[in-house]
Amino acid sequence: MACILIIDDEEDLVSLLREELEARGHEVLTAADGEEGVKLARKQPDLILLDIMMPHLDGYEVCRAIRDEVMCPILFLSAKQSEMDRITAFNLGGDDYIPKPFGLRELMARIEANLRRERRARDLGAGRMRSKLWFGRLSLDRKERSVAIGGRPIPLTRREYDVLELLATHAGQVFSREQIYEKIWGYDAEGDSSTVVEHIKKIRAKLAAVDPETEYIATVWGIGYKWNQ
């Protein structure tokens, strides 16, 4: 059973989703506007279904407000269907984007796929022999999924952490944008490798804010990226 938060102002849709999810054994929380959604997201649900066009705060603003502190998958549900809408959602930290109207069975399959991916990640992390790794002043705790430099925590989003861990645990190996995207977002994700560039940029900025003299992630021009420590 998982705790799933629905942030959407369409009452009929929310009622339908709640009924279907509860029938599958999940606990369901609901919010009809962005401000209430932010409050409930801080209860740390296992997955969030997030509309874009809502009162008070739209879905993009909600995602931006919670992504640094809420690690669970965020699935956008929206009638907005342009490529830029999708790219914006992924760049803000969304894990999937399902355009409205959608098939209920497909949505449930996507929810379960994201929950399975999260469970596999937790199981893999729990089974690793070495939980904590050091790269100079930077420490990577794979059990806690946290990063610090000189003991100072680095506030990475879920996807930013995944990218950093992939590179750090394969030090010296060069990954293309496409390889990183497939390993972190999955083959079935709806997006493209350009989001990797944005995530690398944000990771570098956060690391440089604490340790500006060290280049942790190097660009291999024409190929991709590698861990430089």
C-alpha atoms as a PDB file:
ATOM      1  CA  MET A   1       0.000   0.000   0.000  1.00  0.00           C
ATOM      2  CA  ALA A   2       1.200   3.508  -0.827  1.00  0.00           C
ATOM      3  CA  CYS A   3       0.093   6.987   0.216  1.00  0.00           C
ATOM      4  CA  ILE A   4      -0.840   8.956  -2.900  1.00  0.00           C
ATOM      5  CA  LEU A   5      -1.546  12.699  -2.929  1.00  0.00           C
ATOM      6  CA  ILE A   6      -3.840  14.093  -5.645  1.00  0.00           C
ATOM      7  CA  ILE A   7      -3.555  17.860  -6.212  1.00  0.00           C
ATOM      8  CA  ASP A   8      -6.297  18.795  -8.667  1.00  0.00           C
ATOM      9  CA  ASP A   9      -9.350  21.092  -8.657  1.00  0.00           C
ATOM     10  CA  GLU A  10     -11.554  18.839 -10.847  1.00  0.00           C
ATOM     11  CA  GLU A  11     -13.860  17.295  -8.246  1.00  0.00           C
ATOM     12  CA  ASP A  12     -15.271  14.549 -10.475  1.00  0.00           C
ATOM     13  CA  LEU A  13     -11.811  13.441 -11.586  1.00  0.00           C
ATOM     14  CA  VAL A  14     -10.454  13.459  -8.043  1.00  0.00           C
ATOM     15  CA  SER A  15     -13.423  11.388  -6.862  1.00  0.00           C
ATOM     16  CA  LEU A  16     -12.858   8.855  -9.656  1.00  0.00           C
ATOM     17  CA  LEU A  17      -9.132   8.574  -8.947  1.00  0.00           C
ATOM     18  CA  ARG A  18      -9.674   8.272  -5.201  1.00  0.00           C
ATOM     19  CA  GLU A  19     -12.189   5.448  -5.686  1.00  0.00           C
ATOM     20  CA  GLU A  20      -9.876   3.540  -8.045  1.00  0.00           C
ATOM     21  CA  LEU A  21      -6.752   3.994  -5.922  1.00  0.00           C
ATOM     22  CA  GLU A  22      -8.486   3.043  -2.676  1.00  0.00           C
ATOM     23  CA  ALA A  23      -9.894  -0.057  -4.387  1.00  0.00           C
ATOM     24  CA  ARG A  24      -6.273  -1.000  -5.113  1.00  0.00           C
ATOM     25  CA  GLY A  25      -5.386  -0.659  -1.435  1.00  0.00           C
ATOM     26  CA  HIS A  26      -3.738   2.766  -1.478  1.00  0.00           C
ATOM     27  CA  GLU A  27      -4.258   5.608   0.999  1.00  0.00           C
ATOM     28  CA  VAL A  28      -5.346   8.798  -0.771  1.00  0.00           C
ATOM     29  CA  LEU A  29      -4.900  12.453   0.231  1.00  0.00           C
ATOM     30  CA  THR A  30      -6.463  15.235  -1.854  1.00  0.00           C
ATOM     31  CA  ALA A  31      -6.013  18.977  -2.295  1.00  0.00           C
ATOM     32  CA  ALA A  32      -8.174  21.213  -4.505  1.00  0.00           C
ATOM     33  CA  ASP A  33      -5.637  24.035  -4.895  1.00  0.00           C
ATOM     34  CA  GLY A  34      -1.901  24.555  -5.007  1.00  0.00           C
ATOM     35  CA  GLU A  35      -1.456  26.060  -1.550  1.00  0.00           C
ATOM     36  CA  GLU A  36      -3.186  23.130   0.171  1.00  0.00           C
ATOM     37  CA  GLY A  37      -1.217  20.790  -2.075  1.00  0.00           C
ATOM     38  CA  VAL A  38       2.091  22.185  -0.842  1.00  0.00           C
ATOM     39  CA  LYS A  39       1.030  21.666   2.778  1.00  0.00           C
ATOM     40  CA  LEU A  40      -0.035  18.054   2.196  1.00  0.00           C
ATOM     41  CA  ALA A  41       3.057  17.273   0.108  1.00  0.00           C
ATOM     42  CA  ARG A  42       5.175  17.996   3.163  1.00  0.00           C
ATOM     43  CA  LYS A  43       3.577  14.952   4.808  1.00  0.00           C
ATOM     44  CA  GLN A  44       5.886  12.977   2.467  1.00  0.00           C
ATOM     45  CA  PRO A  45       3.462  10.832   0.413  1.00  0.00           C
ATOM     46  CA  ASP A  46       4.803   7.990  -1.732  1.00  0.00           C
ATOM     47  CA  LEU A  47       3.614   9.576  -4.997  1.00  0.00           C
ATOM     48  CA  ILE A  48       1.955  12.815  -6.123  1.00  0.00           C
ATOM     49  CA  LEU A  49      -0.522  13.339  -8.976  1.00  0.00           C
ATOM     50  CA  LEU A  50      -0.300  17.033  -9.853  1.00  0.00           C
ATOM     51  CA  ASP A  51      -2.525  19.153 -12.104  1.00  0.00           C
ATOM     52  CA  ILE A  52      -1.059  22.305 -13.668  1.00  0.00           C
ATOM     53  CA  MET A  53      -3.948  24.768 -13.990  1.00  0.00           C
ATOM     54  CA  MET A  54      -5.254  25.353 -10.446  1.00  0.00           C
ATOM     55  CA  PRO A  55      -6.235  28.253  -8.158  1.00  0.00           C
ATOM     56  CA  HIS A  56      -3.695  30.126  -6.002  1.00  0.00           C
ATOM     57  CA  LEU A  57      -0.588  28.194  -7.117  1.00  0.00           C
ATOM     58  CA  ASP A  58      -0.372  26.335 -10.409  1.00  0.00           C
ATOM     59  CA  GLY A  59       1.237  22.912 -10.704  1.00  0.00           C
ATOM     60  CA  TYR A  60       4.585  24.314 -11.818  1.00  0.00           C
ATOM     61  CA  GLU A  61       4.731  26.564  -8.756  1.00  0.00           C
ATOM     62  CA  VAL A  62       3.771  23.654  -6.500  1.00  0.00           C
ATOM     63  CA  CYS A  63       6.503  21.445  -7.945  1.00  0.00           C
ATOM     64  CA  ARG A  64       9.063  24.229  -7.606  1.00  0.00           C
ATOM     65  CA  ALA A  65       8.042  24.788  -3.973  1.00  0.00           C
ATOM     66  CA  ILE A  66       8.254  21.147  -2.862  1.00  0.00           C
ATOM     67  CA  ARG A  67      10.830  19.423  -5.066  1.00  0.00           C
ATOM     68  CA  ASP A  68      13.856  20.122  -2.861  1.00  0.00           C
ATOM     69  CA  GLU A  69      12.218  18.565   0.193  1.00  0.00           C
ATOM     70  CA  VAL A  70       9.843  15.956  -1.252  1.00  0.00           C
ATOM     71  CA  MET A  71      11.639  13.014  -2.818  1.00  0.00           C
ATOM     72  CA  CYS A  72       8.706  10.939  -4.115  1.00  0.00           C
ATOM     73  CA  PRO A  73       7.715  10.688  -7.815  1.00  0.00           C
ATOM     74  CA  ILE A  74       5.604  13.561  -9.149  1.00  0.00           C
ATOM     75  CA  LEU A  75       3.285  12.734 -12.062  1.00  0.00           C
ATOM     76  CA  PHE A  76       1.825  15.738 -13.869  1.00  0.00           C
ATOM     77  CA  LEU A  77      -1.774  15.427 -15.118  1.00  0.00           C
ATOM     78  CA  SER A  78      -2.716  18.251 -17.458  1.00  0.00           C
ATOM     79  CA  ALA A  79      -4.784  19.348 -20.447  1.00  0.00           C
ATOM     80  CA  LYS A  80      -1.743  21.397 -21.538  1.00  0.00           C
ATOM     81  CA  GLN A  81      -0.078  19.293 -24.229  1.00  0.00           C
ATOM     82  CA  SER A  82       2.672  21.333 -25.870  1.00  0.00           C
ATOM     83  CA  GLU A  83       6.260  20.125 -25.903  1.00  0.00           C
ATOM     84  CA  MET A  84       7.317  23.152 -23.840  1.00  0.00           C
ATOM     85  CA  ASP A  85       4.782  22.284 -21.131  1.00  0.00           C
ATOM     86  CA  ARG A  86       6.301  18.801 -20.885  1.00  0.00           C
ATOM     87  CA  ILE A  87       9.869  20.103 -20.855  1.00  0.00           C
ATOM     88  CA  THR A  88       9.001  22.628 -18.139  1.00  0.00           C
ATOM     89  CA  ALA A  89       7.439  19.896 -16.008  1.00  0.00           C
ATOM     90  CA  PHE A  90      10.461  17.604 -16.338  1.00  0.00           C
ATOM     91  CA  ASN A  91      12.963  20.405 -15.731  1.00  0.00           C
ATOM     92  CA  LEU A  92      11.154  21.315 -12.502  1.00  0.00           C
ATOM     93  CA  GLY A  93      11.577  17.754 -11.254  1.00  0.00           C
ATOM     94  CA  GLY A  94       8.507  15.947 -12.572  1.00  0.00           C
ATOM     95  CA  ASP A  95       8.881  12.217 -13.182  1.00  0.00           C
ATOM     96  CA  ASP A  96       6.069  11.674 -15.683  1.00  0.00           C
ATOM     97  CA  TYR A  97       3.579  13.732 -17.708  1.00  0.00           C
ATOM     98  CA  ILE A  98       0.141  12.353 -18.581  1.00  0.00           C
ATOM     99  CA  PRO A  99      -2.031  14.564 -20.839  1.00  0.00           C
ATOM    100  CA  LYS A 100      -5.755  14.883 -20.179  1.00  0.00           C
ATOM    101  CA  PRO A 101      -7.971  13.180 -21.127  1.00  0.00           C
ATOM    102  CA  PHE A 102      -6.220   9.922 -20.282  1.00  0.00           C
ATOM    103  CA  GLY A 103      -7.184   6.292 -19.961  1.00  0.00           C
ATOM    104  CA  LEU A 104      -7.687   5.245 -16.346  1.00  0.00           C
ATOM    105  CA  ARG A 105      -5.964   1.891 -16.869  1.00  0.00           C
ATOM    106  CA  GLU A 106      -2.897   3.545 -18.385  1.00  0.00           C
ATOM    107  CA  LEU A 107      -2.688   6.044 -15.521  1.00  0.00           C
ATOM    108  CA  MET A 108      -2.887   3.249 -12.945  1.00  0.00           C
ATOM    109  CA  ALA A 109      -0.153   1.366 -14.818  1.00  0.00           C
ATOM    110  CA  ARG A 110       2.088   4.440 -14.772  1.00  0.00           C
ATOM    111  CA  ILE A 111       1.452   4.955 -11.048  1.00  0.00           C
ATOM    112  CA  GLU A 112       2.352   1.353 -10.266  1.00  0.00           C
ATOM    113  CA  ALA A 113       5.449   1.530 -12.510  1.00  0.00           C
ATOM    114  CA  ASN A 114       6.722   4.601 -10.639  1.00  0.00           C
ATOM    115  CA  LEU A 115       6.013   3.001  -7.259  1.00  0.00           C
ATOM    116  CA  ARG A 116       7.878  -0.167  -8.321  1.00  0.00           C
ATOM    117  CA  ARG A 117      10.844   1.911  -9.466  1.00  0.00           C
ATOM    118  CA  GLU A 118      10.953   3.632  -6.079  1.00  0.00           C
ATOM    119  CA  ARG A 119      10.810   0.309  -4.233  1.00  0.00           C
ATOM    120  CA  ARG A 120      13.641  -1.113  -6.351  1.00  0.00           C
ATOM    121  CA  ALA A 121      15.772   1.960  -5.649  1.00  0.00           C
ATOM    122  CA  ARG A 122      15.191   1.629  -1.893  1.00  0.00           C
ATOM    123  CA  ASP A 123      15.888  -2.113  -1.931  1.00  0.00           C
ATOM    124  CA  LEU A 124      19.068  -1.611  -3.925  1.00  0.00           C
ATOM    125  CA  GLY A 125      20.245   1.101  -1.561  1.00  0.00           C
ATOM    126  CA  ALA A 126      19.515  -1.036   1.492  1.00  0.00           C
ATOM    127  CA  GLY A 127      21.489  -3.948   0.070  1.00  0.00           C
ATOM    128  CA  ARG A 128      24.688  -2.135  -0.745  1.00  0.00           C
ATOM    129  CA  MET A 129      27.742  -3.075   1.324  1.00  0.00           C
ATOM    130  CA  ARG A 130      29.230   0.415   1.509  1.00  0.00           C
ATOM    131  CA  SER A 131      26.676   3.028   2.387  1.00  0.00           C
ATOM    132  CA  LYS A 132      28.976   6.049   2.611  1.00  0.00           C
ATOM    133  CA  LEU A 133      31.572   7.115   0.071  1.00  0.00           C
ATOM    134  CA  TRP A 134      34.063   9.978   0.218  1.00  0.00           C
ATOM    135  CA  PHE A 135      35.420  12.072  -2.650  1.00  0.00           C
ATOM    136  CA  GLY A 136      37.742  14.592  -1.061  1.00  0.00           C
ATOM    137  CA  ARG A 137      35.526  16.812   1.090  1.00  0.00           C
ATOM    138  CA  LEU A 138      32.345  15.471  -0.509  1.00  0.00           C
ATOM    139  CA  SER A 139      30.530  12.593   1.175  1.00  0.00           C
ATOM    140  CA  LEU A 140      27.828  10.501  -0.480  1.00  0.00           C
ATOM    141  CA  ASP A 141      25.514   8.501   1.786  1.00  0.00           C
ATOM    142  CA  ARG A 142      23.687   6.035  -0.439  1.00  0.00           C
ATOM    143  CA  LYS A 143      21.507   4.679   2.353  1.00  0.00           C
ATOM    144  CA  GLU A 144      20.240   8.127   3.311  1.00  0.00           C
ATOM    145  CA  ARG A 145      20.438   9.367  -0.303  1.00  0.00           C
ATOM    146  CA  SER A 146      22.232  12.491   0.847  1.00  0.00           C
ATOM    147  CA  VAL A 147      25.301  14.499  -0.155  1.00  0.00           C
ATOM    148  CA  ALA A 148      27.450  16.826   1.946  1.00  0.00           C
ATOM    149  CA  ILE A 149      30.641  18.827   1.469  1.00  0.00           C
ATOM    150  CA  GLY A 150      32.741  19.332   4.574  1.00  0.00           C
ATOM    151  CA  GLY A 151      29.740  18.187   6.606  1.00  0.00           C
ATOM    152  CA  ARG A 152      27.465  20.796   5.027  1.00  0.00           C
ATOM    153  CA  PRO A 153      24.374  19.173   3.403  1.00  0.00           C
ATOM    154  CA  ILE A 154      23.766  19.806  -0.292  1.00  0.00           C
ATOM    155  CA  PRO A 155      19.986  20.117  -0.985  1.00  0.00           C
ATOM    156  CA  LEU A 156      19.643  17.956  -4.094  1.00  0.00           C
ATOM    157  CA  THR A 157      16.327  16.944  -5.605  1.00  0.00           C
ATOM    158  CA  ARG A 158      15.570  13.264  -6.102  1.00  0.00           C
ATOM    159  CA  ARG A 159      16.677  13.255  -9.749  1.00  0.00           C
ATOM    160  CA  GLU A 160      19.723  15.442  -9.068  1.00  0.00           C
ATOM    161  CA  TYR A 161      20.851  12.959  -6.429  1.00  0.00           C
ATOM    162  CA  ASP A 162      20.321  10.044  -8.814  1.00  0.00           C
ATOM    163  CA  VAL A 163      22.445  11.707 -11.504  1.00  0.00           C
ATOM    164  CA  LEU A 164      25.222  12.577  -9.058  1.00  0.00           C
ATOM    165  CA  GLU A 165      25.275   9.056  -7.581  1.00  0.00           C
ATOM    166  CA  LEU A 166      25.429   7.463 -11.033  1.00  0.00           C
ATOM    167  CA  LEU A 167      28.459   9.541 -11.994  1.00  0.00           C
ATOM    168  CA  ALA A 168      30.190   9.318  -8.604  1.00  0.00           C
ATOM    169  CA  THR A 169      29.919   5.532  -8.333  1.00  0.00           C
ATOM    170  CA  HIS A 170      31.395   5.145 -11.842  1.00  0.00           C
ATOM    171  CA  ALA A 171      34.293   7.587 -11.397  1.00  0.00           C
ATOM    172  CA  GLY A 172      36.190   8.202 -14.618  1.00  0.00           C
ATOM    173  CA  GLN A 173      33.530   6.595 -16.836  1.00  0.00           C
ATOM    174  CA  VAL A 174      32.039   8.928 -19.424  1.00  0.00           C
ATOM    175  CA  PHE A 175      28.248   8.874 -19.813  1.00  0.00           C
ATOM    176  CA  SER A 176      26.426  10.494 -22.713  1.00  0.00           C
ATOM    177  CA  ARG A 177      23.298  12.546 -22.060  1.00  0.00           C
ATOM    178  CA  GLU A 178      21.222   9.760 -23.569  1.00  0.00           C
ATOM    179  CA  GLN A 179      22.809   7.110 -21.316  1.00  0.00           C
ATOM    180  CA  ILE A 180      22.183   9.189 -18.200  1.00  0.00           C
ATOM    181  CA  TYR A 181      18.587   9.847 -19.236  1.00  0.00           C
ATOM    182  CA  GLU A 182      17.855   6.165 -19.895  1.00  0.00           C
ATOM    183  CA  LYS A 183      19.454   5.007 -16.624  1.00  0.00           C
ATOM    184  CA  ILE A 184      17.782   7.627 -14.407  1.00  0.00           C
ATOM    185  CA  TRP A 185      14.454   8.421 -16.086  1.00  0.00           C
ATOM    186  CA  GLY A 186      13.966   5.051 -17.787  1.00  0.00           C
ATOM    187  CA  TYR A 187      13.337   3.964 -21.356  1.00  0.00           C
ATOM    188  CA  ASP A 188       9.591   4.617 -21.082  1.00  0.00           C
ATOM    189  CA  ALA A 189       9.849   8.190 -19.778  1.00  0.00           C
ATOM    190  CA  GLU A 190       8.165  10.929 -21.806  1.00  0.00           C
ATOM    191  CA  GLY A 191      10.864  13.520 -22.261  1.00  0.00           C
ATOM    192  CA  ASP A 192      14.311  13.810 -23.783  1.00  0.00           C
ATOM    193  CA  SER A 193      17.956  13.980 -22.798  1.00  0.00           C
ATOM    194  CA  SER A 194      17.978  17.798 -22.759  1.00  0.00           C
ATOM    195  CA  THR A 195      16.693  17.612 -19.193  1.00  0.00           C
ATOM    196  CA  VAL A 196      20.021  15.985 -18.237  1.00  0.00           C
ATOM    197  CA  VAL A 197      21.833  19.199 -19.170  1.00  0.00           C
ATOM    198  CA  GLU A 198      19.573  21.213 -16.858  1.00  0.00           C
ATOM    199  CA  HIS A 199      20.063  18.760 -13.988  1.00  0.00           C
ATOM    200  CA  ILE A 200      23.862  18.785 -14.406  1.00  0.00           C
ATOM    201  CA  LYS A 201      23.803  22.595 -14.413  1.00  0.00           C
ATOM    202  CA  LYS A 202      21.804  22.688 -11.168  1.00  0.00           C
ATOM    203  CA  ILE A 203      23.984  20.053  -9.474  1.00  0.00           C
ATOM    204  CA  ARG A 204      27.143  21.981 -10.369  1.00  0.00           C
ATOM    205  CA  ALA A 205      25.681  25.229  -9.051  1.00  0.00           C
ATOM    206  CA  LYS A 206      24.742  23.645  -5.722  1.00  0.00           C
ATOM    207  CA  LEU A 207      28.159  22.016  -5.292  1.00  0.00           C
ATOM    208  CA  ALA A 208      29.982  25.207  -6.314  1.00  0.00           C
ATOM    209  CA  ALA A 209      28.017  27.239  -3.762  1.00  0.00           C
ATOM    210  CA  VAL A 210      29.823  25.271  -1.040  1.00  0.00           C
ATOM    211  CA  ASP A 211      33.065  24.262  -2.789  1.00  0.00           C
ATOM    212  CA  PRO A 212      33.732  26.623  -5.704  1.00  0.00           C
ATOM    213  CA  GLU A 213      37.322  25.455  -6.243  1.00  0.00           C
ATOM    214  CA  THR A 214      36.562  21.808  -7.025  1.00  0.00           C
ATOM    215  CA  GLU A 215      35.172  20.548 -10.330  1.00  0.00           C
ATOM    216  CA  TYR A 216      33.267  17.427  -9.352  1.00  0.00           C
ATOM    217  CA  ILE A 217      31.569  16.834 -12.705  1.00  0.00           C
ATOM    218  CA  ALA A 218      33.604  17.301 -15.872  1.00  0.00           C
ATOM    219  CA  THR A 219      32.227  17.819 -19.370  1.00  0.00           C
ATOM    220  CA  VAL A 220      33.812  15.611 -22.023  1.00  0.00           C
ATOM    221  CA  TRP A 221      33.077  17.685 -25.091  1.00  0.00           C
ATOM    222  CA  GLY A 222      31.144  15.917 -27.803  1.00  0.00           C
ATOM    223  CA  ILE A 223      30.549  12.881 -25.597  1.00  0.00           C
ATOM    224  CA  GLY A 224      28.968  13.642 -22.220  1.00  0.00           C
ATOM    225  CA  TYR A 225      29.922  13.862 -18.538  1.00  0.00           C
ATOM    226  CA  LYS A 226      32.115  12.080 -16.004  1.00  0.00           C
ATOM    227  CA  TRP A 227      32.854  12.235 -12.270  1.00  0.00           C
ATOM    228  CA  ASN A 228      36.131  14.062 -11.852  1.00  0.00           C
ATOM    229  CA  GLN A 229      37.200  12.925  -8.355  1.00  0.00           C
END
